[in-house]
C-alpha atoms as a PDB file:
ATOM      1  CA  MET A   1      37.262 -44.694 -53.286  1.00  0.00           C
ATOM      2  CA  GLY A   2      37.178 -43.549 -49.572  1.00  0.00           C
ATOM      3  CA  LYS A   3      38.745 -46.355 -47.951  1.00  0.00           C
ATOM      4  CA  PHE A   4      41.466 -46.650 -50.431  1.00  0.00           C
ATOM      5  CA  VAL A   5      42.300 -43.262 -49.834  1.00  0.00           C
ATOM      6  CA  LYS A   6      42.378 -43.659 -46.149  1.00  0.00           C
ATOM      7  CA  TRP A   7      44.730 -46.641 -46.288  1.00  0.00           C
ATOM      8  CA  VAL A   8      47.090 -44.684 -48.583  1.00  0.00           C
ATOM      9  CA  PHE A   9      47.160 -41.905 -46.268  1.00  0.00           C
ATOM     10  CA  ILE A  10      47.594 -44.288 -43.132  1.00  0.00           C
ATOM     11  CA  VAL A  11      50.199 -46.370 -44.713  1.00  0.00           C
ATOM     12  CA  ASN A  12      52.112 -43.353 -45.895  1.00  0.00           C
ATOM     13  CA  ALA A  13      51.701 -41.664 -42.477  1.00  0.00           C
ATOM     14  CA  ILE A  14      53.353 -44.737 -40.597  1.00  0.00           C
ATOM     15  CA  THR A  15      56.277 -44.769 -43.093  1.00  0.00           C
ATOM     16  CA  SER A  16      56.803 -40.921 -42.579  1.00  0.00           C
ATOM     17  CA  PHE A  17      56.271 -41.274 -38.834  1.00  0.00           C
ATOM     18  CA  VAL A  18      59.027 -43.825 -38.686  1.00  0.00           C
ATOM     19  CA  PHE A  19      61.473 -42.145 -41.083  1.00  0.00           C
ATOM     20  CA  GLY A  20      60.909 -38.790 -39.325  1.00  0.00           C
ATOM     21  CA  LEU A  21      61.603 -40.139 -36.174  1.00  0.00           C
ATOM     22  CA  GLY A  22      64.385 -41.673 -37.069  1.00  0.00           C
ATOM     23  CA  PHE A  23      66.065 -38.483 -38.656  1.00  0.00           C
ATOM     24  CA  ILE A  24      65.236 -36.430 -35.850  1.00  0.00           C
ATOM     25  CA  PHE A  25      66.533 -38.373 -32.847  1.00  0.00           C
ATOM     26  CA  MET A  26      68.942 -40.747 -34.694  1.00  0.00           C
ATOM     27  CA  PRO A  27      70.299 -39.197 -37.521  1.00  0.00           C
ATOM     28  CA  GLU A  28      73.706 -40.899 -37.412  1.00  0.00           C
ATOM     29  CA  ASN A  29      72.178 -44.498 -37.880  1.00  0.00           C
ATOM     30  CA  SER A  30      69.707 -43.297 -40.300  1.00  0.00           C
ATOM     31  CA  LEU A  31      72.157 -41.752 -42.444  1.00  0.00           C
ATOM     32  CA  SER A  32      74.591 -44.632 -41.829  1.00  0.00           C
ATOM     33  CA  SER A  33      72.084 -46.864 -43.556  1.00  0.00           C
ATOM     34  CA  TYR A  34      72.123 -44.533 -46.743  1.00  0.00           C
ATOM     35  CA  GLY A  35      75.990 -44.642 -46.597  1.00  0.00           C
ATOM     36  CA  ILE A  36      76.236 -40.972 -45.745  1.00  0.00           C
ATOM     37  CA  THR A  37      79.022 -40.104 -43.143  1.00  0.00           C
ATOM     38  CA  THR A  38      78.926 -36.462 -41.796  1.00  0.00           C
ATOM     39  CA  THR A  39      79.041 -34.562 -38.669  1.00  0.00           C
ATOM     40  CA  ASP A  40      76.484 -32.032 -39.366  1.00  0.00           C
ATOM     41  CA  TYR A  41      73.002 -33.159 -38.645  1.00  0.00           C
ATOM     42  CA  LEU A  42      71.008 -29.990 -38.845  1.00  0.00           C
ATOM     43  CA  GLY A  43      69.935 -30.291 -42.200  1.00  0.00           C
ATOM     44  CA  TYR A  44      68.977 -34.175 -41.679  1.00  0.00           C
ATOM     45  CA  ARG A  45      67.082 -33.144 -38.525  1.00  0.00           C
ATOM     46  CA  MET A  46      65.058 -30.706 -40.372  1.00  0.00           C
ATOM     47  CA  PHE A  47      64.206 -33.209 -42.929  1.00  0.00           C
ATOM     48  CA  GLY A  48      63.003 -35.392 -40.104  1.00  0.00           C
ATOM     49  CA  VAL A  49      60.692 -32.511 -39.049  1.00  0.00           C
ATOM     50  CA  VAL A  50      59.281 -32.218 -42.518  1.00  0.00           C
ATOM     51  CA  LEU A  51      58.327 -36.093 -42.560  1.00  0.00           C
ATOM     52  CA  PHE A  52      56.963 -35.803 -38.890  1.00  0.00           C
ATOM     53  CA  SER A  53      54.910 -32.829 -40.067  1.00  0.00           C
ATOM     54  CA  ASN A  54      53.816 -34.716 -43.069  1.00  0.00           C
ATOM     55  CA  TRP A  55      52.820 -37.674 -40.703  1.00  0.00           C
ATOM     56  CA  ILE A  56      50.500 -35.102 -38.778  1.00  0.00           C
ATOM     57  CA  LEU A  57      48.840 -34.017 -42.169  1.00  0.00           C
ATOM     58  CA  LEU A  58      48.053 -37.306 -43.436  1.00  0.00           C
ATOM     59  CA  PHE A  59      47.090 -38.665 -40.075  1.00  0.00           C
ATOM     60  CA  PHE A  60      44.628 -35.874 -39.763  1.00  0.00           C
ATOM     61  CA  ALA A  61      43.485 -35.892 -43.293  1.00  0.00           C
ATOM     62  CA  ARG A  62      42.672 -39.636 -43.263  1.00  0.00           C
ATOM     63  CA  ASN A  63      39.034 -39.534 -42.638  1.00  0.00           C
ATOM     64  CA  SER A  64      38.481 -36.392 -45.077  1.00  0.00           C
ATOM     65  CA  ASP A  65      35.720 -36.197 -47.749  1.00  0.00           C
ATOM     66  CA  ASP A  66      36.318 -35.773 -51.461  1.00  0.00           C
ATOM     67  CA  SER A  67      37.242 -32.133 -51.595  1.00  0.00           C
ATOM     68  CA  ASP A  68      39.524 -29.762 -53.353  1.00  0.00           C
ATOM     69  CA  ALA A  69      41.515 -29.594 -49.821  1.00  0.00           C
ATOM     70  CA  ARG A  70      42.245 -33.549 -50.319  1.00  0.00           C
ATOM     71  CA  LYS A  71      43.089 -33.050 -54.236  1.00  0.00           C
ATOM     72  CA  ALA A  72      45.874 -30.181 -52.897  1.00  0.00           C
ATOM     73  CA  ILE A  73      47.065 -33.113 -50.390  1.00  0.00           C
ATOM     74  CA  PHE A  74      47.555 -35.205 -53.400  1.00  0.00           C
ATOM     75  CA  ILE A  75      49.373 -32.844 -55.562  1.00  0.00           C
ATOM     76  CA  PHE A  76      51.579 -31.860 -52.330  1.00  0.00           C
ATOM     77  CA  GLU A  77      52.482 -35.609 -52.064  1.00  0.00           C
ATOM     78  CA  LEU A  78      52.914 -36.093 -55.719  1.00  0.00           C
ATOM     79  CA  GLY A  79      55.030 -32.971 -56.160  1.00  0.00           C
ATOM     80  CA  GLY A  80      57.159 -33.678 -53.168  1.00  0.00           C
ATOM     81  CA  LEU A  81      57.609 -37.491 -54.147  1.00  0.00           C
ATOM     82  CA  ILE A  82      58.679 -36.425 -57.722  1.00  0.00           C
ATOM     83  CA  PHE A  83      61.065 -33.865 -56.309  1.00  0.00           C
ATOM     84  CA  LEU A  84      62.513 -36.236 -53.741  1.00  0.00           C
ATOM     85  CA  ASN A  85      62.939 -39.062 -56.082  1.00  0.00           C
ATOM     86  CA  THR A  86      64.876 -36.816 -58.753  1.00  0.00           C
ATOM     87  CA  LEU A  87      67.015 -35.412 -55.958  1.00  0.00           C
ATOM     88  CA  MET A  88      68.012 -38.997 -54.600  1.00  0.00           C
ATOM     89  CA  LEU A  89      68.701 -40.147 -58.288  1.00  0.00           C
ATOM     90  CA  ILE A  90      71.048 -37.424 -58.841  1.00  0.00           C
ATOM     91  CA  LEU A  91      72.925 -37.023 -55.652  1.00  0.00           C
ATOM     92  CA  MET A  92      72.823 -40.653 -53.873  1.00  0.00           C
ATOM     93  CA  ASP A  93      74.879 -43.620 -54.389  1.00  0.00           C
ATOM     94  CA  LEU A  94      72.876 -46.111 -56.073  1.00  0.00           C
ATOM     95  CA  THR A  95      74.562 -49.302 -55.140  1.00  0.00           C
ATOM     96  CA  ASN A  96      72.884 -49.079 -51.754  1.00  0.00           C
ATOM     97  CA  VAL A  97      70.043 -51.353 -50.855  1.00  0.00           C
ATOM     98  CA  MET A  98      68.533 -48.790 -48.527  1.00  0.00           C
ATOM     99  CA  VAL A  99      68.633 -45.952 -51.168  1.00  0.00           C
ATOM    100  CA  TRP A 100      66.722 -48.401 -53.855  1.00  0.00           C
ATOM    101  CA  PHE A 101      64.105 -49.567 -50.967  1.00  0.00           C
ATOM    102  CA  SER A 102      63.310 -45.794 -50.640  1.00  0.00           C
ATOM    103  CA  LEU A 103      63.172 -44.949 -54.003  1.00  0.00           C
ATOM    104  CA  ILE A 104      60.807 -47.914 -54.887  1.00  0.00           C
ATOM    105  CA  LEU A 105      58.525 -46.898 -51.829  1.00  0.00           C
ATOM    106  CA  GLN A 106      58.625 -43.319 -53.230  1.00  0.00           C
ATOM    107  CA  PHE A 107      57.726 -44.298 -56.623  1.00  0.00           C
ATOM    108  CA  VAL A 108      54.742 -46.483 -55.417  1.00  0.00           C
ATOM    109  CA  TYR A 109      53.515 -43.664 -53.485  1.00  0.00           C
ATOM    110  CA  ALA A 110      53.806 -41.411 -56.287  1.00  0.00           C
ATOM    111  CA  GLY A 111      51.768 -43.842 -58.618  1.00  0.00           C
ATOM    112  CA  LEU A 112      49.366 -44.197 -55.877  1.00  0.00           C
ATOM    113  CA  TYR A 113      48.872 -40.304 -55.637  1.00  0.00           C
ATOM    114  CA  ALA A 114      48.938 -39.780 -59.225  1.00  0.00           C
ATOM    115  CA  TYR A 115      46.326 -42.595 -59.670  1.00  0.00           C
ATOM    116  CA  LEU A 116      44.149 -41.114 -56.980  1.00  0.00           C
ATOM    117  CA  LEU A 117      44.435 -37.349 -58.311  1.00  0.00           C
ATOM    118  CA  PHE A 118      43.636 -38.257 -62.017  1.00  0.00           C
ATOM    119  CA  LYS A 119      40.926 -41.141 -61.402  1.00  0.00           C
ATOM    120  CA  LYS A 120      37.478 -40.069 -62.218  1.00  0.00           C
ATOM    121  CA  GLU A 121      34.824 -40.778 -59.720  1.00  0.00           C
END
């Protein structure tokens, strides 16, 4: 189970890193792929900082032992993904391919974290 958790953390950390840097340094390009046109990028840059801090959390937690702290990370990730998916389903244009890619990716991560949280060892 330890290696599976490590790989879930690593893959999620990589995607958080890539999307986080995109929203921090190139918000206009990142948002145009989602079909969003705006001139105010501050909120989206803050979202990029949140993704980047998620990368830091997952990167340093990848070798952690089974503990309450790791279960708290599972709960945090699962709750955040459910909130983000709900928000994207309500607010985004569902005809965009990038929106569907992000939703499917987040649902996969949510399923993995739910599995890891509720699995009996």
